[in-house]
Amino acid sequence: MPYVPVPKDLNTVKTKVAFNLTKRQLICFFLAAAVGVPAYFLTRGLLGTTGAVLVLLACALPFFLLALYEKNGQPLEKILKHYINTKYRRPKVRPYVTNNLYSAMEKQIILEQEVDRIAGNKKENRPAKRQTADRQAKAADRRRG
């Protein structure tokens, strides 16, 4: 009876489209040929056959790398994106910062105390106004009744 190994993680299995290549590899190889072959024919007269082949390889090599290189399940463009982000776009020193709830509560208490202190002066004036307003309301009731 034939034995066929079945991988435990099916996410690593890639579907092959043609010539035992994935769709990504076929597209990259086509782009390499689309860039490399014209470069060969355009430079063959100037550089000779050997120089033109070197130009063809230099033009097609990035596409081959994009098609074939993979590390930790990530293609080359994702690896390059992460590398550029960590080296150039994000700051080198990233301090550890937390949301300290205790210090936020302390600041809130200090602010409330300051508001109470400021409003404390106004509270002294308010009861007097309220008393006069209450006296005026009682006086109006006496006149009516």
Protein backbone atom coordinates (compact mmCIF):
# COMPACT_ATOMS: atom_id res chain seq x y z
CA MET A 1 0.00 0.00 0.00
CA PRO A 2 1.52 3.41 -0.99
CA TYR A 3 2.31 5.89 1.74
CA VAL A 4 1.61 9.60 1.16
CA PRO A 5 2.64 12.09 3.85
CA VAL A 6 -0.15 14.51 4.76
CA PRO A 7 0.96 17.75 6.41
CA LYS A 8 -0.69 18.57 9.73
CA ASP A 9 -1.00 22.28 8.94
CA LEU A 10 -2.81 22.77 5.66
CA ASN A 11 -2.06 26.51 5.62
CA THR A 12 1.47 25.75 4.45
CA VAL A 13 0.19 23.84 1.40
CA LYS A 14 0.19 26.03 -1.70
CA THR A 15 -1.91 25.23 -4.74
CA LYS A 16 0.08 24.73 -7.90
CA VAL A 17 -1.32 26.21 -11.09
CA ALA A 18 0.97 25.19 -13.93
CA PHE A 19 4.41 23.60 -14.30
CA ASN A 20 4.34 22.88 -10.55
CA LEU A 21 4.47 26.65 -9.86
CA THR A 22 2.09 28.79 -7.82
CA LYS A 23 0.17 31.68 -9.32
CA ARG A 24 2.52 34.14 -7.63
CA GLN A 25 5.58 32.44 -9.10
CA LEU A 26 4.06 32.35 -12.59
CA ILE A 27 3.25 36.07 -12.47
CA CYS A 28 6.72 36.99 -11.22
CA PHE A 29 8.46 34.82 -13.82
CA PHE A 30 6.32 36.37 -16.57
CA LEU A 31 7.24 39.86 -15.36
CA ALA A 32 10.92 38.88 -15.23
CA ALA A 33 10.74 37.70 -18.83
CA ALA A 34 8.80 40.83 -19.86
CA VAL A 35 11.55 43.04 -18.43
CA GLY A 36 14.64 40.91 -19.08
CA VAL A 37 14.16 39.80 -22.69
CA PRO A 38 13.76 43.33 -24.13
CA ALA A 39 16.74 44.45 -22.06
CA TYR A 40 18.78 41.61 -23.59
CA PHE A 41 17.86 42.48 -27.17
CA LEU A 42 18.39 46.22 -26.63
CA THR A 43 21.86 45.80 -25.11
CA ARG A 44 23.15 42.86 -27.19
CA GLY A 45 24.47 45.13 -29.93
CA LEU A 46 26.20 47.52 -27.51
CA LEU A 47 27.62 45.14 -24.88
CA GLY A 48 27.88 41.86 -26.73
CA THR A 49 26.17 38.62 -25.75
CA THR A 50 27.85 38.19 -22.37
CA GLY A 51 27.15 41.76 -21.26
CA ALA A 52 23.56 41.53 -22.48
CA VAL A 53 23.01 38.31 -20.50
CA LEU A 54 24.37 40.03 -17.38
CA VAL A 55 21.95 42.93 -17.94
CA LEU A 56 19.11 40.41 -18.42
CA LEU A 57 20.01 38.71 -15.13
CA ALA A 58 20.26 42.03 -13.30
CA CYS A 59 16.81 43.05 -14.57
CA ALA A 60 15.15 39.70 -13.88
CA LEU A 61 16.75 38.92 -10.51
CA PRO A 62 14.41 41.10 -8.38
CA PHE A 63 11.39 39.32 -9.85
CA PHE A 64 12.95 35.92 -9.18
CA LEU A 65 13.58 36.92 -5.58
CA LEU A 66 9.98 38.09 -5.18
CA ALA A 67 8.76 34.79 -6.62
CA LEU A 68 10.93 32.38 -4.67
CA TYR A 69 12.19 33.89 -1.42
CA GLU A 70 10.06 33.30 1.64
CA LYS A 71 10.96 33.38 5.33
CA ASN A 72 8.66 32.36 8.18
CA GLY A 73 5.76 32.12 5.74
CA GLN A 74 6.14 35.73 4.60
CA PRO A 75 7.06 36.77 1.06
CA LEU A 76 9.97 39.11 0.37
CA GLU A 77 7.90 42.31 0.02
CA LYS A 78 6.41 41.88 3.51
CA ILE A 79 9.84 41.25 4.97
CA LEU A 80 11.17 44.38 3.25
CA LYS A 81 8.16 46.40 4.46
CA HIS A 82 8.78 45.34 8.07
CA TYR A 83 12.50 46.06 7.73
CA ILE A 84 11.91 49.57 6.34
CA ASN A 85 9.33 50.31 9.02
CA THR A 86 11.62 49.30 11.87
CA LYS A 87 14.77 50.92 10.49
CA TYR A 88 13.54 54.19 8.97
CA ARG A 89 9.90 55.05 9.67
CA ARG A 90 9.51 54.35 13.38
CA PRO A 91 11.63 55.94 16.11
CA LYS A 92 14.61 53.97 17.31
CA VAL A 93 13.91 54.56 21.00
CA ARG A 94 10.37 53.70 22.01
CA PRO A 95 9.87 54.39 25.71
CA TYR A 96 7.57 52.17 27.68
CA VAL A 97 4.49 54.24 28.49
CA THR A 98 1.46 53.06 30.42
CA ASN A 99 -1.88 54.61 31.25
CA ASN A 100 -1.45 55.03 35.00
CA LEU A 101 -4.98 55.14 36.36
CA TYR A 102 -3.80 56.15 39.82
CA SER A 103 -2.00 59.28 38.59
CA ALA A 104 -5.01 60.16 36.45
CA MET A 105 -7.23 59.90 39.52
CA GLU A 106 -4.82 62.09 41.50
CA LYS A 107 -4.89 64.75 38.79
CA GLN A 108 -8.68 64.60 38.71
CA ILE A 109 -8.85 65.08 42.50
CA ILE A 110 -6.47 68.05 42.31
CA LEU A 111 -8.57 69.60 39.56
CA GLU A 112 -11.78 69.06 41.53
CA GLN A 113 -10.21 70.66 44.60
CA GLU A 114 -9.15 73.65 42.53
CA VAL A 115 -12.63 73.96 41.03
CA ASP A 116 -14.16 73.71 44.51
CA ARG A 117 -11.79 76.40 45.76
CA ILE A 118 -12.66 78.71 42.87
CA ALA A 119 -16.36 77.93 43.10
CA GLY A 120 -16.24 78.30 46.89
CA ASN A 121 -16.14 82.09 46.54
CA LYS A 122 -19.15 81.99 44.24
CA LYS A 123 -21.05 79.68 46.59
CA GLU A 124 -20.84 82.35 49.27
CA ASN A 125 -22.52 84.81 46.93
CA ARG A 126 -25.13 82.38 45.64
CA PRO A 127 -26.95 81.68 48.92
CA ALA A 128 -27.42 85.41 49.47
CA LYS A 129 -28.97 85.75 46.04
CA ARG A 130 -31.10 82.71 46.67
CA GLN A 131 -32.25 84.12 49.99
CA THR A 132 -33.26 87.36 48.34
CA ALA A 133 -34.99 85.44 45.58
CA ASP A 134 -36.79 83.32 48.20
CA ARG A 135 -37.77 86.43 50.15
CA GLN A 136 -39.10 88.03 46.97
CA ALA A 137 -41.12 84.88 46.16
CA LYS A 138 -42.58 84.80 49.70
CA ALA A 139 -43.42 88.48 49.52
CA ALA A 140 -45.18 87.94 46.18
CA ASP A 141 -47.18 85.09 47.71
CA ARG A 142 -48.24 87.28 50.63
CA ARG A 143 -49.45 89.97 48.27
CA ARG A 144 -51.53 87.50 46.28
CA GLY A 145 -52.93 85.61 49.19
